[in-house]
């Protein structure tokens, strides 16, 4: 099964105290997690409002995230919502 995740799930790793259940779920399902370009843009816009080291750290995290997703293609079996 494939999962299309939103901003709240993807950004969980960046929290000071992330929910361990969300992190476990993401680890267990990493091969089947996808997102939309709108989610990436929303995260990027939020990062742009920041300053300093936090901004730099999150920009680097977002670059790694995008690289990990760029060549993944979900198995939609012909069905797209």
Protein backbone atom coordinates (compact mmCIF):
# COMPACT_ATOMS: atom_id res chain seq x y z
CA UNK A 1 0.00 0.00 0.00
CA UNK A 2 1.19 3.52 -0.79
CA UNK A 3 0.75 6.51 1.49
CA UNK A 4 0.37 10.11 0.37
CA UNK A 5 1.46 12.13 3.39
CA UNK A 6 0.89 15.75 4.28
CA UNK A 7 3.08 18.39 5.89
CA UNK A 8 2.36 17.37 9.47
CA UNK A 9 3.66 13.84 8.95
CA UNK A 10 6.79 14.83 7.00
CA UNK A 11 7.73 17.60 9.41
CA UNK A 12 7.39 15.41 12.52
CA UNK A 13 11.11 14.61 12.38
CA UNK A 14 11.97 18.30 12.70
CA UNK A 15 10.16 18.81 16.00
CA UNK A 16 12.04 19.18 19.27
CA UNK A 17 9.99 16.28 20.68
CA UNK A 18 8.68 14.23 17.75
CA UNK A 19 5.97 11.65 18.33
CA UNK A 20 7.77 8.28 18.45
CA UNK A 21 4.73 6.50 16.97
CA UNK A 22 4.83 8.75 13.91
CA UNK A 23 8.58 8.22 13.51
CA UNK A 24 8.14 4.44 13.83
CA UNK A 25 5.35 4.47 11.25
CA UNK A 26 7.45 6.53 8.85
CA UNK A 27 10.42 4.17 9.28
CA UNK A 28 8.26 1.09 8.78
CA UNK A 29 6.57 2.54 5.68
CA UNK A 30 9.43 4.57 4.16
CA UNK A 31 9.41 2.63 0.90
CA UNK A 32 5.75 3.49 0.36
CA UNK A 33 5.58 7.13 1.47
CA UNK A 34 4.94 9.84 -1.12
CA UNK A 35 3.93 13.48 -1.02
CA UNK A 36 2.82 16.21 -3.39
CA UNK A 37 4.69 19.19 -4.75
CA UNK A 38 2.21 21.37 -2.84
CA UNK A 39 3.40 19.88 0.44
CA UNK A 40 7.04 20.49 -0.48
CA UNK A 41 6.19 24.10 -1.40
CA UNK A 42 4.32 24.58 1.88
CA UNK A 43 7.29 23.31 3.87
CA UNK A 44 9.73 25.46 1.86
CA UNK A 45 7.58 28.56 2.44
CA UNK A 46 7.56 27.92 6.17
CA UNK A 47 11.32 27.48 6.24
CA UNK A 48 11.84 30.74 4.33
CA UNK A 49 10.19 32.66 7.18
CA UNK A 50 12.87 31.49 9.61
CA UNK A 51 16.31 32.91 10.37
CA UNK A 52 19.66 31.60 11.48
CA UNK A 53 20.80 28.05 12.08
CA UNK A 54 17.27 26.63 12.31
CA UNK A 55 16.58 27.87 8.78
CA UNK A 56 19.83 26.38 7.46
CA UNK A 57 19.22 23.05 9.19
CA UNK A 58 15.69 22.78 7.82
CA UNK A 59 16.77 23.78 4.31
CA UNK A 60 19.30 20.96 4.36
CA UNK A 61 16.67 18.54 5.71
CA UNK A 62 14.24 19.55 2.95
CA UNK A 63 16.91 19.02 0.27
CA UNK A 64 17.55 15.51 1.61
CA UNK A 65 13.82 14.82 1.73
CA UNK A 66 13.28 15.93 -1.86
CA UNK A 67 16.24 13.85 -3.06
CA UNK A 68 14.80 10.80 -1.32
CA UNK A 69 11.43 11.29 -3.04
CA UNK A 70 12.43 12.52 -6.49
CA UNK A 71 12.70 9.17 -8.27
CA UNK A 72 9.98 7.35 -6.38
CA UNK A 73 6.90 6.53 -8.40
CA UNK A 74 3.82 5.26 -6.59
CA UNK A 75 2.12 2.12 -7.79
CA UNK A 76 -1.30 3.55 -8.56
CA UNK A 77 -2.50 0.53 -10.52
CA UNK A 78 -4.16 2.93 -12.90
CA UNK A 79 -6.10 4.72 -10.17
CA UNK A 80 -5.30 8.31 -9.39
CA UNK A 81 -7.45 10.51 -7.17
